[in-house]
Amino acid sequence: MEKFYFCQKFQTMNNEIGKWFMDIAKYVATAILISSFLGGLQQKWLMYVTGIAVVAIFLLLGMFFINDKKAKKENH
């Protein structure tokens, strides 16, 4: 019983960390959009490339942590 409780808590913690990473990706994407509308930057392409890379990294990290193995087994 103790092992099951630990696994359940660990999965809940991973889901929360995954949601946190995905929130960071949304915040970075929003910051890029707002700063592009405000302008005033000399090298916009550098901001876009860096921002897209950061968003992709945090999105992938979020998806990795939210990975639900039970849902995969039920679908296959």
Protein backbone atom coordinates (compact mmCIF):
# COMPACT_ATOMS: atom_id res chain seq x y z
CA MET A 1 0.00 0.00 0.00
CA GLU A 2 2.86 2.37 0.86
CA LYS A 3 4.50 1.84 -2.54
CA PHE A 4 1.28 2.63 -4.41
CA TYR A 5 0.81 5.84 -2.42
CA PHE A 6 4.38 6.94 -3.22
CA CYS A 7 3.92 6.23 -6.95
CA GLN A 8 0.66 8.16 -6.98
CA LYS A 9 2.26 11.16 -5.25
CA PHE A 10 5.25 11.01 -7.60
CA GLN A 11 2.96 11.05 -10.67
CA THR A 12 1.00 13.99 -9.22
CA MET A 13 4.25 15.88 -8.62
CA ASN A 14 5.41 15.19 -12.19
CA ASN A 15 2.11 16.47 -13.57
CA GLU A 16 2.42 19.69 -11.59
CA ILE A 17 6.03 20.23 -12.71
CA GLY A 18 4.94 19.59 -16.31
CA LYS A 19 2.15 22.15 -16.02
CA TRP A 20 4.63 24.64 -14.56
CA PHE A 21 7.01 24.19 -17.52
CA MET A 22 4.14 24.63 -19.97
CA ASP A 23 3.08 27.82 -18.18
CA ILE A 24 6.61 29.17 -18.56
CA ALA A 25 6.45 28.41 -22.28
CA LYS A 26 3.19 30.38 -22.53
CA TYR A 27 4.66 33.32 -20.62
CA VAL A 28 7.74 33.46 -22.85
CA ALA A 29 5.57 33.31 -25.98
CA THR A 30 3.39 36.12 -24.63
CA ALA A 31 6.46 38.22 -23.80
CA ILE A 32 7.77 37.77 -27.34
CA LEU A 33 4.46 38.82 -28.86
CA ILE A 34 4.12 41.89 -26.65
CA SER A 35 7.70 42.99 -27.22
CA SER A 36 7.31 42.59 -30.98
CA PHE A 37 4.28 44.90 -30.93
CA LEU A 38 6.08 47.51 -28.83
CA GLY A 39 9.12 47.47 -31.09
CA GLY A 40 12.31 49.36 -30.41
CA LEU A 41 14.59 46.35 -30.77
CA GLN A 42 17.50 46.37 -33.19
CA GLN A 43 17.77 42.63 -33.81
CA LYS A 44 14.26 41.22 -33.84
CA TRP A 45 15.31 38.00 -35.55
CA LEU A 46 17.55 37.14 -32.60
CA MET A 47 14.67 37.67 -30.20
CA TYR A 48 12.37 35.47 -32.30
CA VAL A 49 14.88 32.65 -32.72
CA THR A 50 15.83 32.64 -29.05
CA GLY A 51 12.20 32.90 -27.94
CA ILE A 52 11.04 30.07 -30.18
CA ALA A 53 13.89 27.88 -28.92
CA VAL A 54 13.07 28.64 -25.27
CA VAL A 55 9.36 28.01 -25.83
CA ALA A 56 10.09 24.70 -27.56
CA ILE A 57 12.42 23.55 -24.78
CA PHE A 58 9.95 24.37 -22.01
CA LEU A 59 7.05 22.87 -23.95
CA LEU A 60 8.94 19.62 -24.50
CA LEU A 61 9.98 19.51 -20.84
CA GLY A 62 6.36 20.01 -19.81
CA MET A 63 5.17 17.26 -22.10
CA PHE A 64 7.89 14.94 -20.80
CA PHE A 65 6.86 15.44 -17.18
CA ILE A 66 3.13 15.13 -17.88
CA ASN A 67 3.72 11.87 -19.76
CA ASP A 68 1.01 9.54 -18.46
CA LYS A 69 1.96 5.89 -18.88
CA LYS A 70 -1.48 4.61 -17.89
CA ALA A 71 -3.13 6.54 -20.72
CA LYS A 72 -0.63 5.11 -23.20
CA LYS A 73 -1.38 1.54 -22.11
CA GLU A 74 -5.13 2.06 -22.46
CA ASN A 75 -4.79 3.50 -25.97
CA HIS A 76 -2.62 0.65 -27.27
